[in-house]
């Protein structure tokens, strides 16, 4: 009997699933309406349930993107406003957040940030909706987790292809390669991904342009978010304005080549094209991409192990409006969607083996959610 039971478990023929321990969910949001800032929730991975009552609410202005330090003891949030700020927090052993202060991002509408591998710098993408446009800045991080004034402020030339959205540069994300030696800035206004070398020992100018300084993308495509696979051999990029996802190959010197482009929707109407966030599954076998606008979907792709190319598996409703961000739960059995305009977090069951998304298991009212991060 025991042998049969073990065999059934190993072949997946039984419905019994082992889940990891409970996790803490952090939710960033837009505070122009009813939201107050950053919300901390308890998440039960056994049932895929977020407790309705938050463990903590931290008041902050438009904390639209959250960044956790490698040891999960510090949290940083961009404060997406015209003036532009970044806030830092200490995370206690009980998970509670304690403010460490706020500093200027030296640009308007910061939308994204990432930490260097050595945790010495926080790089911030200032979108800059109005003139003079966006920028990439480097904020030094002190040993206590607090931030100091930016040492670098880098700006790009816009493509000016789209008269409404590309008259200025708009840096939408900044991402370090897994090796920690190169940083990539996706600029929606320039139609390029800019490539920088990182030198943590340089206290004034940690970033310098790589020999191949950028990857040019299709005119009017609007690059948004970028993610590397675990080995740093391939990367995936959302082209917001075209409603596409691109697969890139990474050369040893950090150079990128564009090898594949796939549409997120079969619709030709631009109203259905609003590529947003993207995330690989923990095992790297599947890629998930949000498409906003009138599509409001999560699109699932299989990642081919040999060359990193993508094959469409599923287009799944996001069950709400404007899925700005989403996150796969730590044990891989659920996908959580932050539907910004319908003021809701939706928990959808996920098949870790097949990668596909199934039934909705929870809808949690949450004003204007914009980002989701787990603390394990």
Protein backbone atom coordinates (compact mmCIF):
# COMPACT_ATOMS: atom_id res chain seq x y z
CA UNK A 1 0.00 0.00 0.00
CA UNK A 2 2.79 2.45 0.89
CA UNK A 3 4.56 1.71 -2.40
CA UNK A 4 1.36 2.37 -4.36
CA UNK A 5 0.79 5.61 -2.43
CA UNK A 6 4.32 6.85 -3.14
CA UNK A 7 3.98 5.91 -6.81
CA UNK A 8 0.73 7.83 -7.13
CA UNK A 9 2.29 10.88 -5.54
CA UNK A 10 5.33 10.76 -7.83
CA UNK A 11 3.25 10.45 -10.98
CA UNK A 12 0.85 13.19 -9.95
CA UNK A 13 -2.22 10.92 -10.10
CA UNK A 14 -3.36 11.91 -6.65
CA UNK A 15 -4.80 15.33 -5.91
CA UNK A 16 -2.93 15.61 -2.63
CA UNK A 17 -0.46 18.51 -2.82
CA UNK A 18 2.21 19.45 -0.30
CA UNK A 19 2.48 23.20 0.27
CA UNK A 20 5.12 25.38 1.83
CA UNK A 21 4.80 27.33 5.07
CA UNK A 22 2.78 30.52 5.28
CA UNK A 23 4.20 33.63 3.66
CA UNK A 24 3.82 37.38 4.03
CA UNK A 25 2.47 39.35 1.09
CA UNK A 26 3.40 43.00 0.60
CA UNK A 27 1.16 45.11 -1.63
CA UNK A 28 2.13 48.44 -3.13
CA UNK A 29 -0.64 50.73 -4.34
CA UNK A 30 -1.65 54.09 -5.74
CA UNK A 31 -2.92 56.43 -3.02
CA UNK A 32 -4.77 58.98 -5.15
CA UNK A 33 -8.03 57.32 -4.05
CA UNK A 34 -8.90 55.12 -1.07
CA UNK A 35 -5.58 53.36 -0.61
CA UNK A 36 -3.20 54.39 2.18
CA UNK A 37 0.13 52.96 0.98
CA UNK A 38 1.82 49.61 1.60
CA UNK A 39 -0.27 46.72 2.93
CA UNK A 40 1.15 43.66 4.69
CA UNK A 41 -0.99 40.50 4.59
CA UNK A 42 -0.78 36.90 5.74
CA UNK A 43 -0.97 34.44 2.84
CA UNK A 44 -1.97 30.79 3.34
CA UNK A 45 -0.43 28.73 0.51
CA UNK A 46 -2.45 25.65 1.45
CA UNK A 47 -5.72 27.27 0.48
CA UNK A 48 -4.42 30.12 -1.67
CA UNK A 49 -6.03 32.65 0.65
CA UNK A 50 -5.01 36.14 1.68
CA UNK A 51 -6.35 37.10 5.12
CA UNK A 52 -8.92 39.84 4.60
CA UNK A 53 -7.55 41.99 7.42
CA UNK A 54 -4.04 43.32 6.79
CA UNK A 55 -1.37 42.75 9.41
CA UNK A 56 -0.11 46.29 8.87
CA UNK A 57 -0.78 49.34 6.75
CA UNK A 58 2.11 51.75 6.20
CA UNK A 59 1.18 55.19 4.98
CA UNK A 60 3.19 56.18 1.93
CA UNK A 61 2.50 58.24 -1.19
CA UNK A 62 1.97 56.10 -4.31
CA UNK A 63 4.34 53.23 -3.39
CA UNK A 64 3.80 51.71 -6.81
CA UNK A 65 6.90 49.46 -6.95
CA UNK A 66 8.53 47.50 -4.11
CA UNK A 67 12.08 46.18 -3.83
CA UNK A 68 13.27 43.68 -1.21
CA UNK A 69 16.90 43.36 -0.17
CA UNK A 70 18.53 39.97 -0.68
CA UNK A 71 18.26 39.11 3.04
CA UNK A 72 14.66 40.43 3.13
CA UNK A 73 15.48 42.78 5.99
CA UNK A 74 15.03 46.01 4.01
CA UNK A 75 12.26 47.21 1.73
CA UNK A 76 12.36 50.10 -0.72
CA UNK A 77 9.42 51.70 -2.49
CA UNK A 78 9.31 54.27 -5.24
CA UNK A 79 6.85 57.07 -4.55
CA UNK A 80 5.39 57.69 -7.99
CA UNK A 81 4.59 61.38 -8.09
CA UNK A 82 5.59 64.48 -10.04
CA UNK A 83 8.21 65.37 -7.42
CA UNK A 84 9.54 61.80 -7.19
CA UNK A 85 10.78 60.13 -4.02
CA UNK A 86 12.01 56.76 -2.73
CA UNK A 87 11.21 55.40 0.74
CA UNK A 88 13.18 52.84 2.76
CA UNK A 89 11.96 50.52 5.51
CA UNK A 90 13.46 48.04 7.94
CA UNK A 91 11.71 44.66 8.17
CA UNK A 92 11.58 43.22 11.68
CA UNK A 93 11.83 39.57 12.60
CA UNK A 94 8.05 39.55 12.89
CA UNK A 95 7.74 41.02 9.39
CA UNK A 96 6.68 44.47 10.59
CA UNK A 97 7.81 47.46 8.52
CA UNK A 98 9.56 50.44 10.16
CA UNK A 99 10.22 53.61 8.19
CA UNK A 100 13.86 54.59 7.65
CA UNK A 101 13.11 57.76 5.74
CA UNK A 102 12.42 59.17 2.30
CA UNK A 103 14.75 60.75 -0.23
CA UNK A 104 14.29 62.49 -3.60
CA UNK A 105 14.56 60.30 -6.68
CA UNK A 106 15.83 63.35 -8.62
CA UNK A 107 13.19 62.82 -11.28
CA UNK A 108 9.45 62.64 -11.79
CA UNK A 109 7.18 59.58 -11.55
CA UNK A 110 9.66 56.87 -10.48
CA UNK A 111 8.07 53.57 -11.55
CA UNK A 112 10.70 50.89 -10.94
CA UNK A 113 13.89 50.19 -8.98
CA UNK A 114 16.37 47.42 -8.31
CA UNK A 115 19.27 46.75 -5.95
CA UNK A 116 22.79 45.93 -7.07
CA UNK A 117 23.94 42.42 -6.17
CA UNK A 118 26.37 43.82 -3.60
CA UNK A 119 23.46 45.86 -2.11
CA UNK A 120 25.50 49.08 -2.38
CA UNK A 121 23.20 50.94 -4.78
CA UNK A 122 19.51 51.27 -5.48
CA UNK A 123 18.93 52.08 -9.15
CA UNK A 124 15.72 53.99 -9.86
CA UNK A 125 13.80 54.40 -13.12
CA UNK A 126 12.23 57.86 -13.25
CA UNK A 127 9.53 57.66 -15.90
CA UNK A 128 9.18 61.43 -16.14
CA UNK A 129 5.76 61.84 -17.73
CA UNK A 130 6.43 65.52 -18.49
CA UNK A 131 9.45 67.49 -19.71
CA UNK A 132 12.37 67.05 -19.22
CA UNK A 133 11.37 63.37 -19.29
CA UNK A 134 12.76 60.36 -17.49
CA UNK A 135 16.13 59.38 -16.10
CA UNK A 136 18.13 56.60 -14.46
CA UNK A 137 19.63 57.47 -11.08
CA UNK A 138 21.95 55.65 -8.68
CA UNK A 139 21.21 56.04 -4.96
CA UNK A 140 23.95 54.80 -2.57
CA UNK A 141 22.73 52.49 0.21
CA UNK A 142 24.23 52.83 3.69
CA UNK A 143 24.94 49.81 5.87
CA UNK A 144 21.81 50.52 7.92
CA UNK A 145 19.67 50.36 4.76
CA UNK A 146 19.06 54.10 4.45
CA UNK A 147 19.59 55.92 1.15
CA UNK A 148 21.73 58.93 0.30
CA UNK A 149 21.54 61.50 -2.49
CA UNK A 150 22.00 60.18 -6.03
CA UNK A 151 25.56 60.06 -7.34
CA UNK A 152 24.55 59.60 -10.97
CA UNK A 153 21.72 60.93 -13.11
CA UNK A 154 21.68 59.46 -16.62
CA UNK A 155 19.40 60.59 -19.44
CA UNK A 156 18.65 59.24 -22.91
CA UNK A 157 17.50 60.75 -26.20
CA UNK A 158 13.84 59.99 -27.11
CA UNK A 159 12.84 58.33 -30.36
CA UNK A 160 9.97 60.81 -30.95
CA UNK A 161 8.17 58.17 -33.02
CA UNK A 162 4.92 58.52 -31.11
CA UNK A 163 4.01 62.19 -30.73
CA UNK A 164 1.97 61.55 -27.57
CA UNK A 165 4.22 59.18 -25.64
CA UNK A 166 7.75 59.46 -26.99
CA UNK A 167 8.64 63.14 -27.16
CA UNK A 168 10.76 62.58 -24.02
CA UNK A 169 12.75 59.66 -22.62
CA UNK A 170 10.74 57.49 -20.20
CA UNK A 171 12.85 54.98 -18.28
CA UNK A 172 10.37 52.31 -17.23
CA UNK A 173 12.56 49.67 -15.57
CA UNK A 174 16.14 49.07 -14.45
CA UNK A 175 17.34 45.48 -14.02
CA UNK A 176 20.70 43.93 -13.09
CA UNK A 177 21.90 40.84 -14.95
CA UNK A 178 22.29 37.72 -12.78
CA UNK A 179 26.08 38.14 -12.81
CA UNK A 180 25.67 41.61 -11.28
CA UNK A 181 28.07 43.22 -13.77
CA UNK A 182 25.62 44.84 -16.18
CA UNK A 183 22.51 46.96 -15.69
CA UNK A 184 19.78 47.31 -18.31
CA UNK A 185 17.46 50.31 -18.53
CA UNK A 186 14.33 49.85 -20.64
CA UNK A 187 13.33 53.25 -22.01
CA UNK A 188 9.79 53.41 -23.39
CA UNK A 189 10.39 56.87 -24.84
CA UNK A 190 13.61 55.93 -26.63
CA UNK A 191 12.62 52.52 -28.05
CA UNK A 192 15.87 51.13 -26.65
CA UNK A 193 17.28 49.05 -23.82
CA UNK A 194 20.41 50.84 -22.58
CA UNK A 195 23.30 48.73 -21.30
CA UNK A 196 25.63 49.85 -18.51
CA UNK A 197 28.59 48.29 -16.79
CA UNK A 198 28.40 48.30 -13.00
CA UNK A 199 31.42 48.96 -10.75
CA UNK A 200 30.44 48.94 -7.09
CA UNK A 201 33.88 50.20 -6.03
CA UNK A 202 33.31 53.50 -7.83
CA UNK A 203 31.76 55.83 -5.25
CA UNK A 204 30.77 58.58 -7.68
CA UNK A 205 30.02 56.90 -11.01
CA UNK A 206 29.17 53.21 -10.54
CA UNK A 207 27.63 53.02 -14.03
CA UNK A 208 29.39 53.43 -17.36
CA UNK A 209 28.09 52.74 -20.86
CA UNK A 210 28.91 49.28 -22.19
CA UNK A 211 30.87 49.06 -25.49
CA UNK A 212 27.57 48.25 -27.18
CA UNK A 213 25.59 50.93 -25.38
CA UNK A 214 22.05 49.89 -26.31
CA UNK A 215 19.72 47.53 -28.12
CA UNK A 216 17.48 49.30 -30.63
CA UNK A 217 13.93 47.98 -30.75
CA UNK A 218 11.12 48.43 -33.31
CA UNK A 219 10.03 52.03 -33.76
CA UNK A 220 7.15 52.92 -31.47
CA UNK A 221 7.37 49.63 -29.55
CA UNK A 222 7.81 51.15 -26.07
CA UNK A 223 10.00 48.70 -24.07
CA UNK A 224 8.75 48.35 -20.50
CA UNK A 225 9.84 45.48 -18.23
CA UNK A 226 12.79 43.07 -18.57
CA UNK A 227 13.60 39.80 -16.81
CA UNK A 228 16.57 37.46 -17.14
CA UNK A 229 16.54 33.70 -16.78
CA UNK A 230 18.52 32.26 -13.87
CA UNK A 231 21.69 31.66 -15.89
CA UNK A 232 21.62 35.07 -17.54
CA UNK A 233 21.71 33.59 -21.05
CA UNK A 234 18.29 34.86 -22.14
CA UNK A 235 16.04 37.75 -21.22
CA UNK A 236 12.39 38.58 -21.83
CA UNK A 237 11.02 42.05 -22.49
CA UNK A 238 7.54 43.51 -22.77
CA UNK A 239 6.96 45.96 -25.62
CA UNK A 240 4.12 47.93 -24.08
CA UNK A 241 2.90 49.95 -27.05
CA UNK A 242 2.97 47.06 -29.54
CA UNK A 243 1.44 44.60 -27.07
CA UNK A 244 4.25 42.09 -27.55
CA UNK A 245 6.81 40.06 -25.63
CA UNK A 246 10.36 39.68 -26.94
CA UNK A 247 13.01 37.04 -26.29
CA UNK A 248 16.59 38.29 -26.15
CA UNK A 249 19.90 36.43 -26.12
CA UNK A 250 22.62 37.77 -23.83
CA UNK A 251 26.20 37.73 -25.10
CA UNK A 252 29.19 37.26 -22.73
CA UNK A 253 30.01 40.98 -23.00
CA UNK A 254 26.46 41.94 -21.99
CA UNK A 255 25.28 42.74 -25.51
CA UNK A 256 21.69 41.81 -26.38
CA UNK A 257 20.25 40.39 -29.58
CA UNK A 258 16.55 40.34 -30.40
CA UNK A 259 15.65 36.77 -31.41
CA UNK A 260 11.87 36.48 -31.09
CA UNK A 261 8.76 38.67 -30.90
CA UNK A 262 5.30 37.35 -30.10
CA UNK A 263 1.95 39.18 -29.92
CA UNK A 264 0.11 39.03 -26.62
CA UNK A 265 -3.25 39.28 -28.36
CA UNK A 266 -4.79 38.33 -31.69
CA UNK A 267 -6.60 41.68 -31.76
CA UNK A 268 -5.29 44.38 -34.09
CA UNK A 269 -7.01 47.24 -32.24
CA UNK A 270 -4.38 49.22 -30.23
CA UNK A 271 -6.87 49.38 -27.35
CA UNK A 272 -6.11 45.69 -26.69
CA UNK A 273 -2.35 46.25 -26.55
CA UNK A 274 -0.93 47.21 -23.18
CA UNK A 275 1.92 44.89 -22.27
CA UNK A 276 2.82 45.17 -18.60
CA UNK A 277 4.67 43.00 -16.11
CA UNK A 278 6.29 39.67 -16.79
CA UNK A 279 7.68 36.92 -14.55
CA UNK A 280 9.30 33.54 -15.03
CA UNK A 281 8.25 30.59 -12.89
CA UNK A 282 10.82 29.58 -10.28
CA UNK A 283 11.91 26.59 -12.39
CA UNK A 284 12.27 28.80 -15.48
CA UNK A 285 9.96 26.59 -17.56
CA UNK A 286 7.14 29.11 -18.01
CA UNK A 287 6.81 32.84 -18.63
CA UNK A 288 3.77 34.88 -17.59
CA UNK A 289 2.98 38.27 -19.11
CA UNK A 290 0.19 40.74 -18.34
CA UNK A 291 -1.69 42.50 -21.13
CA UNK A 292 -3.81 45.41 -19.99
CA UNK A 293 -6.02 47.74 -22.04
CA UNK A 294 -9.22 46.08 -23.17
CA UNK A 295 -7.55 42.65 -23.20
CA UNK A 296 -7.01 42.34 -19.42
CA UNK A 297 -5.26 38.98 -19.66
CA UNK A 298 -2.38 36.95 -18.28
CA UNK A 299 -0.62 35.25 -21.18
CA UNK A 300 1.30 32.02 -20.50
CA UNK A 301 4.29 30.77 -22.53
CA UNK A 302 6.40 27.65 -22.37
CA UNK A 303 10.14 28.38 -22.32
CA UNK A 304 12.24 25.99 -24.40
CA UNK A 305 15.23 24.81 -22.39
CA UNK A 306 17.63 24.63 -25.32
CA UNK A 307 17.33 28.11 -26.82
CA UNK A 308 15.01 30.08 -24.52
CA UNK A 309 12.38 30.61 -27.19
CA UNK A 310 8.70 30.88 -26.30
CA UNK A 311 5.60 28.92 -27.28
CA UNK A 312 2.12 30.20 -26.43
CA UNK A 313 0.23 27.99 -23.96
CA UNK A 314 -2.70 30.03 -22.73
CA UNK A 315 -4.44 33.39 -22.68
CA UNK A 316 -6.28 33.68 -19.37
CA UNK A 317 -8.56 36.47 -18.21
CA UNK A 318 -7.05 38.53 -15.40
CA UNK A 319 -10.54 38.58 -13.85
CA UNK A 320 -10.40 42.35 -13.50
CA UNK A 321 -9.29 45.61 -15.05
CA UNK A 322 -5.71 46.70 -15.70
CA UNK A 323 -3.55 43.87 -14.33
CA UNK A 324 -0.59 46.13 -13.59
CA UNK A 325 1.44 43.47 -11.80
CA UNK A 326 1.20 39.89 -10.55
CA UNK A 327 3.23 37.32 -8.63
CA UNK A 328 3.56 33.55 -8.51
CA UNK A 329 3.19 32.31 -4.92
CA UNK A 330 6.41 30.87 -3.41
CA UNK A 331 5.29 27.24 -3.77
CA UNK A 332 4.11 27.80 -7.35
CA UNK A 333 0.50 26.66 -6.88
CA UNK A 334 -1.15 30.08 -7.20
CA UNK A 335 -0.78 33.26 -9.21
CA UNK A 336 -1.89 36.55 -7.66
CA UNK A 337 -2.98 39.44 -9.89
CA UNK A 338 -3.04 43.12 -8.89
CA UNK A 339 -5.96 44.52 -10.90
CA UNK A 340 -5.40 48.22 -10.41
CA UNK A 341 -8.55 49.72 -11.93
CA UNK A 342 -11.01 47.19 -10.49
CA UNK A 343 -9.45 47.57 -7.00
CA UNK A 344 -8.89 43.89 -6.38
CA UNK A 345 -6.28 41.19 -5.89
CA UNK A 346 -7.33 37.95 -7.57
CA UNK A 347 -5.82 34.59 -6.62
CA UNK A 348 -5.83 32.05 -9.48
CA UNK A 349 -4.89 28.39 -9.15
CA UNK A 350 -1.75 27.40 -11.09
CA UNK A 351 -0.61 23.97 -12.27
CA UNK A 352 3.14 23.87 -11.46
CA UNK A 353 3.75 20.98 -13.85
CA UNK A 354 1.83 22.25 -16.88
CA UNK A 355 2.18 25.97 -16.18
CA UNK A 356 -1.46 26.73 -16.96
CA UNK A 357 -3.83 28.85 -14.89
CA UNK A 358 -7.13 27.49 -13.60
CA UNK A 359 -9.95 28.59 -11.35
CA UNK A 360 -10.23 31.72 -9.23
CA UNK A 361 -9.92 30.82 -5.56
CA UNK A 362 -10.17 34.31 -4.02
CA UNK A 363 -11.03 37.92 -4.75
CA UNK A 364 -9.76 40.42 -2.19
CA UNK A 365 -10.85 44.04 -2.28
CA UNK A 366 -7.74 46.23 -2.38
CA UNK A 367 -7.72 49.85 -3.55
CA UNK A 368 -5.51 50.42 -6.63
CA UNK A 369 -2.97 47.60 -6.16
CA UNK A 370 0.17 48.06 -8.25
CA UNK A 371 2.81 45.59 -7.03
CA UNK A 372 3.03 42.31 -5.10
CA UNK A 373 6.07 40.93 -3.28
CA UNK A 374 6.37 37.89 -1.01
CA UNK A 375 8.48 37.63 2.15
CA UNK A 376 9.22 33.98 2.90
